[in-house]
Amino acid sequence: MCLFSYDDDPDPDEQARAGLLYVPVRPEAAGPALRMFRTPLGERTAVGFTGLALLTATLGARQPAIRLAEPALRSLTEPLGVDRLVVDPVLSAPAVTAVRASTAEEPARAR
C-alpha cells in the first residue's frame, strides 16, 4: 500500500498550455516563415521556447524569432500536417548534408 497521495500529479497525456513562445523563423521576402524541425525519429515538429535565453542557448544568438501564443502556433502548423510541438528543447543538430561520393570512397594515399 502506498502512503503517498498523487492526486495532484498531472496526467502525462494532459499537456499544460505553454502560453507565449519565442518561435524560430527564417527571413523570407514575404515576411518571416516558421522553421520546422524533426524529432530524433524523423517526425516533423514545431518548436517554441518559453524564454529568449533558452532559444539563444539552443539555436544561437543569430536565430531570428517571433512571439506566438501556443494556439496560434498550432493553428499555423496544422495545415502543414504538423501536429507536434516541442517546447524548450535543449539539444539541436545541424541539418544532415550529403557527402560527395568521390570524397567518401577515395582511399587514403600512402606517402
N, C-alpha and C. Protein backbone atom coordinates (compact mmCIF):
# COMPACT_ATOMS: atom_id res chain seq x y z
N MET A 1 0.84 -1.18 0.00
CA MET A 1 0.00 0.00 0.00
C MET A 1 0.88 1.24 0.00
N CYS A 2 0.54 2.20 -0.82
CA CYS A 2 1.31 3.43 -0.92
C CYS A 2 0.82 4.43 0.12
N LEU A 3 1.75 5.05 0.81
CA LEU A 3 1.41 6.02 1.85
C LEU A 3 1.24 7.43 1.32
N PHE A 4 1.61 7.65 0.06
CA PHE A 4 1.58 9.00 -0.51
C PHE A 4 0.41 9.14 -1.47
N SER A 5 -0.18 10.30 -1.49
CA SER A 5 -1.27 10.60 -2.40
C SER A 5 -0.72 11.35 -3.60
N TYR A 6 -1.05 10.87 -4.79
CA TYR A 6 -0.58 11.51 -6.01
C TYR A 6 -1.74 12.09 -6.81
N ASP A 7 -2.78 12.51 -6.14
CA ASP A 7 -3.96 13.03 -6.83
C ASP A 7 -3.67 14.29 -7.64
N ASP A 8 -2.71 15.10 -7.20
CA ASP A 8 -2.45 16.37 -7.87
C ASP A 8 -1.43 16.24 -9.00
N ASP A 9 -0.85 15.07 -9.22
CA ASP A 9 0.10 14.88 -10.31
C ASP A 9 -0.66 14.92 -11.63
N PRO A 10 -0.15 15.68 -12.59
CA PRO A 10 -0.84 15.74 -13.88
C PRO A 10 -0.69 14.44 -14.66
N ASP A 11 -1.69 14.15 -15.44
CA ASP A 11 -1.65 13.00 -16.33
C ASP A 11 -0.67 13.33 -17.45
N PRO A 12 0.26 12.42 -17.80
CA PRO A 12 1.22 12.73 -18.86
C PRO A 12 0.58 13.06 -20.19
N ASP A 13 -0.62 12.56 -20.44
CA ASP A 13 -1.30 12.86 -21.69
C ASP A 13 -1.95 14.24 -21.69
N GLU A 14 -2.12 14.84 -20.53
CA GLU A 14 -2.70 16.18 -20.42
C GLU A 14 -1.57 17.19 -20.44
N GLN A 15 -1.47 17.93 -21.54
CA GLN A 15 -0.40 18.89 -21.68
C GLN A 15 -0.88 20.26 -21.24
N ALA A 16 -0.10 20.90 -20.39
CA ALA A 16 -0.42 22.25 -19.94
C ALA A 16 -0.12 23.23 -21.07
N ARG A 17 -0.87 24.30 -21.16
CA ARG A 17 -0.64 25.32 -22.18
C ARG A 17 0.68 26.03 -21.91
N ALA A 18 1.42 26.30 -22.97
CA ALA A 18 2.74 26.91 -22.84
C ALA A 18 2.67 28.43 -22.81
N GLY A 19 1.58 29.03 -23.24
CA GLY A 19 1.47 30.49 -23.25
C GLY A 19 2.22 31.09 -24.44
N LEU A 20 2.81 32.27 -24.23
CA LEU A 20 3.58 32.92 -25.29
C LEU A 20 4.92 32.23 -25.47
N LEU A 21 5.29 32.00 -26.72
CA LEU A 21 6.54 31.31 -27.04
C LEU A 21 7.38 32.14 -27.99
N TYR A 22 8.68 31.97 -27.89
CA TYR A 22 9.60 32.50 -28.90
C TYR A 22 9.75 31.39 -29.93
N VAL A 23 9.33 31.68 -31.16
CA VAL A 23 9.29 30.67 -32.21
C VAL A 23 10.35 31.00 -33.27
N PRO A 24 11.25 30.06 -33.56
CA PRO A 24 12.28 30.30 -34.58
C PRO A 24 11.67 30.48 -35.95
N VAL A 25 12.18 31.47 -36.68
CA VAL A 25 11.71 31.75 -38.04
C VAL A 25 12.93 31.94 -38.94
N ARG A 26 12.66 31.92 -40.24
CA ARG A 26 13.70 32.28 -41.20
C ARG A 26 13.16 33.44 -42.04
N PRO A 27 14.01 34.39 -42.36
CA PRO A 27 13.53 35.54 -43.13
C PRO A 27 13.23 35.15 -44.58
N GLU A 28 12.11 35.61 -45.07
CA GLU A 28 11.70 35.40 -46.46
C GLU A 28 11.26 36.74 -47.02
N ALA A 29 11.16 36.85 -48.33
CA ALA A 29 10.76 38.10 -48.97
C ALA A 29 9.37 38.56 -48.51
N ALA A 30 8.46 37.61 -48.31
CA ALA A 30 7.09 37.94 -47.91
C ALA A 30 6.94 38.14 -46.40
N GLY A 31 8.00 37.91 -45.65
CA GLY A 31 7.95 38.01 -44.19
C GLY A 31 8.52 36.76 -43.56
N PRO A 32 8.56 36.72 -42.25
CA PRO A 32 9.17 35.56 -41.58
C PRO A 32 8.37 34.28 -41.82
N ALA A 33 9.10 33.18 -42.00
CA ALA A 33 8.48 31.86 -42.18
C ALA A 33 8.90 30.97 -41.01
N LEU A 34 7.94 30.22 -40.48
CA LEU A 34 8.24 29.32 -39.36
C LEU A 34 9.27 28.28 -39.77
N ARG A 35 10.21 28.01 -38.87
CA ARG A 35 11.15 26.91 -39.08
C ARG A 35 10.53 25.64 -38.54
N MET A 36 10.55 24.60 -39.34
CA MET A 36 10.10 23.28 -38.89
C MET A 36 11.34 22.46 -38.56
N PHE A 37 11.22 21.60 -37.59
CA PHE A 37 12.32 20.75 -37.16
C PHE A 37 11.88 19.30 -37.26
N ARG A 38 12.79 18.39 -36.95
CA ARG A 38 12.47 16.97 -36.91
C ARG A 38 12.89 16.39 -35.57
N THR A 39 12.08 15.47 -35.07
CA THR A 39 12.42 14.76 -33.85
C THR A 39 13.53 13.76 -34.18
N PRO A 40 14.16 13.15 -33.18
CA PRO A 40 15.18 12.13 -33.47
C PRO A 40 14.67 10.98 -34.34
N LEU A 41 13.37 10.73 -34.31
CA LEU A 41 12.80 9.66 -35.13
C LEU A 41 12.33 10.15 -36.50
N GLY A 42 12.54 11.43 -36.80
CA GLY A 42 12.22 11.97 -38.11
C GLY A 42 10.87 12.62 -38.26
N GLU A 43 10.08 12.70 -37.20
CA GLU A 43 8.76 13.32 -37.29
C GLU A 43 8.91 14.85 -37.32
N ARG A 44 8.16 15.48 -38.23
CA ARG A 44 8.21 16.96 -38.31
C ARG A 44 7.55 17.55 -37.08
N THR A 45 8.15 18.63 -36.57
CA THR A 45 7.64 19.26 -35.37
C THR A 45 7.88 20.76 -35.40
N ALA A 46 7.00 21.49 -34.75
CA ALA A 46 7.23 22.91 -34.50
C ALA A 46 7.97 23.01 -33.17
N VAL A 47 8.70 24.09 -32.99
CA VAL A 47 9.48 24.29 -31.77
C VAL A 47 9.19 25.68 -31.24
N GLY A 48 9.05 25.77 -29.92
CA GLY A 48 8.86 27.06 -29.26
C GLY A 48 9.65 27.09 -27.97
N PHE A 49 10.06 28.28 -27.57
CA PHE A 49 10.83 28.46 -26.34
C PHE A 49 10.11 29.42 -25.42
N THR A 50 10.12 29.12 -24.14
CA THR A 50 9.45 29.98 -23.16
C THR A 50 10.28 31.20 -22.81
N GLY A 51 11.54 31.23 -23.18
CA GLY A 51 12.40 32.38 -22.92
C GLY A 51 13.39 32.58 -24.05
N LEU A 52 13.74 33.82 -24.31
CA LEU A 52 14.68 34.14 -25.37
C LEU A 52 16.07 33.55 -25.08
N ALA A 53 16.45 33.51 -23.81
CA ALA A 53 17.75 32.94 -23.44
C ALA A 53 17.81 31.45 -23.78
N LEU A 54 16.69 30.75 -23.61
CA LEU A 54 16.66 29.32 -23.96
C LEU A 54 16.81 29.12 -25.47
N LEU A 55 16.15 29.95 -26.25
CA LEU A 55 16.28 29.88 -27.70
C LEU A 55 17.71 30.14 -28.12
N THR A 56 18.33 31.18 -27.56
CA THR A 56 19.70 31.53 -27.89
C THR A 56 20.67 30.43 -27.50
N ALA A 57 20.48 29.81 -26.34
CA ALA A 57 21.37 28.75 -25.90
C ALA A 57 21.28 27.52 -26.80
N THR A 58 20.12 27.27 -27.38
CA THR A 58 19.94 26.08 -28.20
C THR A 58 20.26 26.33 -29.67
N LEU A 59 19.82 27.46 -30.22
CA LEU A 59 19.95 27.71 -31.66
C LEU A 59 20.95 28.80 -32.02
N GLY A 60 21.48 29.51 -31.04
CA GLY A 60 22.46 30.55 -31.32
C GLY A 60 21.87 31.94 -31.30
N ALA A 61 22.75 32.92 -31.14
CA ALA A 61 22.33 34.31 -31.00
C ALA A 61 21.77 34.91 -32.29
N ARG A 62 22.12 34.35 -33.42
CA ARG A 62 21.67 34.92 -34.70
C ARG A 62 20.34 34.36 -35.19
N GLN A 63 19.73 33.49 -34.41
CA GLN A 63 18.46 32.89 -34.82
C GLN A 63 17.32 33.88 -34.62
N PRO A 64 16.68 34.35 -35.71
CA PRO A 64 15.53 35.24 -35.54
C PRO A 64 14.33 34.47 -34.98
N ALA A 65 13.49 35.18 -34.25
CA ALA A 65 12.31 34.56 -33.65
C ALA A 65 11.18 35.58 -33.56
N ILE A 66 9.97 35.06 -33.50
CA ILE A 66 8.79 35.89 -33.27
C ILE A 66 8.07 35.33 -32.05
N ARG A 67 7.20 36.15 -31.45
CA ARG A 67 6.40 35.69 -30.31
C ARG A 67 5.04 35.25 -30.82
N LEU A 68 4.67 34.04 -30.44
CA LEU A 68 3.36 33.50 -30.78
C LEU A 68 2.80 32.76 -29.58
N ALA A 69 1.49 32.83 -29.42
CA ALA A 69 0.83 32.01 -28.41
C ALA A 69 0.77 30.58 -28.94
N GLU A 70 0.77 29.63 -28.03
CA GLU A 70 0.75 28.22 -28.44
C GLU A 70 -0.41 27.90 -29.37
N PRO A 71 -1.65 28.34 -29.08
CA PRO A 71 -2.74 28.01 -30.01
C PRO A 71 -2.52 28.60 -31.41
N ALA A 72 -1.92 29.78 -31.50
CA ALA A 72 -1.65 30.38 -32.80
C ALA A 72 -0.61 29.57 -33.56
N LEU A 73 0.43 29.12 -32.86
CA LEU A 73 1.46 28.30 -33.49
C LEU A 73 0.86 26.98 -33.99
N ARG A 74 0.03 26.36 -33.18
CA ARG A 74 -0.60 25.11 -33.59
C ARG A 74 -1.51 25.31 -34.80
N SER A 75 -2.23 26.43 -34.85
CA SER A 75 -3.13 26.67 -35.99
C SER A 75 -2.33 26.96 -37.27
N LEU A 76 -1.13 27.52 -37.15
CA LEU A 76 -0.30 27.76 -38.33
C LEU A 76 0.33 26.47 -38.87
N THR A 77 0.63 25.53 -37.98
CA THR A 77 1.30 24.31 -38.42
C THR A 77 0.33 23.19 -38.81
N GLU A 78 -0.90 23.28 -38.36
CA GLU A 78 -1.88 22.24 -38.65
C GLU A 78 -2.10 22.02 -40.15
N PRO A 79 -2.25 23.09 -40.98
CA PRO A 79 -2.44 22.85 -42.42
C PRO A 79 -1.22 22.19 -43.07
N LEU A 80 -0.06 22.26 -42.43
CA LEU A 80 1.14 21.64 -42.96
C LEU A 80 1.25 20.16 -42.56
N GLY A 81 0.29 19.69 -41.78
CA GLY A 81 0.32 18.32 -41.31
C GLY A 81 1.22 18.11 -40.10
N VAL A 82 1.60 19.20 -39.45
CA VAL A 82 2.47 19.13 -38.28
C VAL A 82 1.60 19.32 -37.04
N ASP A 83 1.46 18.27 -36.24
CA ASP A 83 0.64 18.37 -35.04
C ASP A 83 1.46 18.24 -33.77
N ARG A 84 2.76 18.15 -33.89
CA ARG A 84 3.64 18.01 -32.73
C ARG A 84 4.29 19.35 -32.43
N LEU A 85 4.37 19.68 -31.15
CA LEU A 85 5.04 20.90 -30.69
C LEU A 85 5.99 20.53 -29.57
N VAL A 86 7.26 20.88 -29.74
CA VAL A 86 8.26 20.66 -28.71
C VAL A 86 8.56 22.02 -28.07
N VAL A 87 8.39 22.09 -26.76
CA VAL A 87 8.65 23.33 -26.03
C VAL A 87 9.96 23.19 -25.27
N ASP A 88 10.83 24.18 -25.42
CA ASP A 88 12.13 24.25 -24.73
C ASP A 88 13.02 23.04 -24.97
N PRO A 89 13.27 22.67 -26.24
CA PRO A 89 14.23 21.59 -26.46
C PRO A 89 15.62 22.08 -26.05
N VAL A 90 16.45 21.18 -25.58
CA VAL A 90 17.78 21.59 -25.13
C VAL A 90 18.87 21.15 -26.09
N LEU A 91 18.56 20.30 -27.04
CA LEU A 91 19.56 19.85 -28.00
C LEU A 91 19.06 20.11 -29.41
N SER A 92 19.99 20.45 -30.27
CA SER A 92 19.68 20.54 -31.69
C SER A 92 20.92 20.12 -32.45
N ALA A 93 20.72 19.69 -33.66
CA ALA A 93 21.84 19.28 -34.52
C ALA A 93 21.68 19.96 -35.86
N PRO A 94 22.80 20.23 -36.53
CA PRO A 94 22.69 20.83 -37.86
C PRO A 94 22.03 19.86 -38.82
N ALA A 95 21.49 20.40 -39.89
CA ALA A 95 20.85 19.57 -40.90
C ALA A 95 21.87 18.61 -41.50
N VAL A 96 21.41 17.44 -41.85
CA VAL A 96 22.27 16.44 -42.47
C VAL A 96 22.54 16.86 -43.90
N THR A 97 23.81 16.80 -44.30
CA THR A 97 24.16 17.13 -45.68
C THR A 97 24.78 15.92 -46.34
N ALA A 98 24.61 15.83 -47.62
CA ALA A 98 25.15 14.70 -48.38
C ALA A 98 26.66 14.85 -48.52
N VAL A 99 27.36 13.73 -48.44
CA VAL A 99 28.80 13.71 -48.65
C VAL A 99 29.05 13.31 -50.10
N ARG A 100 29.96 14.01 -50.74
CA ARG A 100 30.27 13.67 -52.13
C ARG A 100 30.80 12.25 -52.20
N ALA A 101 30.32 11.47 -53.13
CA ALA A 101 30.72 10.07 -53.26
C ALA A 101 32.21 9.94 -53.52
N SER A 102 32.81 10.81 -54.33
CA SER A 102 34.23 10.70 -54.65
C SER A 102 35.09 10.92 -53.41
N THR A 103 34.67 11.79 -52.50
CA THR A 103 35.41 12.05 -51.28
C THR A 103 35.27 10.89 -50.31
N ALA A 104 34.08 10.34 -50.19
CA ALA A 104 33.83 9.26 -49.24
C ALA A 104 34.50 7.95 -49.66
N GLU A 105 34.62 7.70 -50.98
CA GLU A 105 35.16 6.45 -51.46
C GLU A 105 36.65 6.50 -51.75
N GLU A 106 37.24 7.68 -51.70
CA GLU A 106 38.65 7.82 -52.03
C GLU A 106 39.52 7.23 -50.92
N PRO A 107 40.36 6.24 -51.24
CA PRO A 107 41.20 5.63 -50.21
C PRO A 107 42.30 6.59 -49.75
N ALA A 108 42.77 6.37 -48.55
CA ALA A 108 43.85 7.20 -48.02
C ALA A 108 45.11 6.90 -48.83
N ARG A 109 45.83 7.93 -49.22
CA ARG A 109 47.04 7.77 -50.03
C ARG A 109 48.25 7.55 -49.14
N ALA A 110 49.03 6.57 -49.49
CA ALA A 110 50.26 6.29 -48.74
C ALA A 110 51.35 7.21 -49.25
N ARG A 111 52.22 7.64 -48.34
CA ARG A 111 53.31 8.53 -48.76
C ARG A 111 54.57 7.79 -48.95
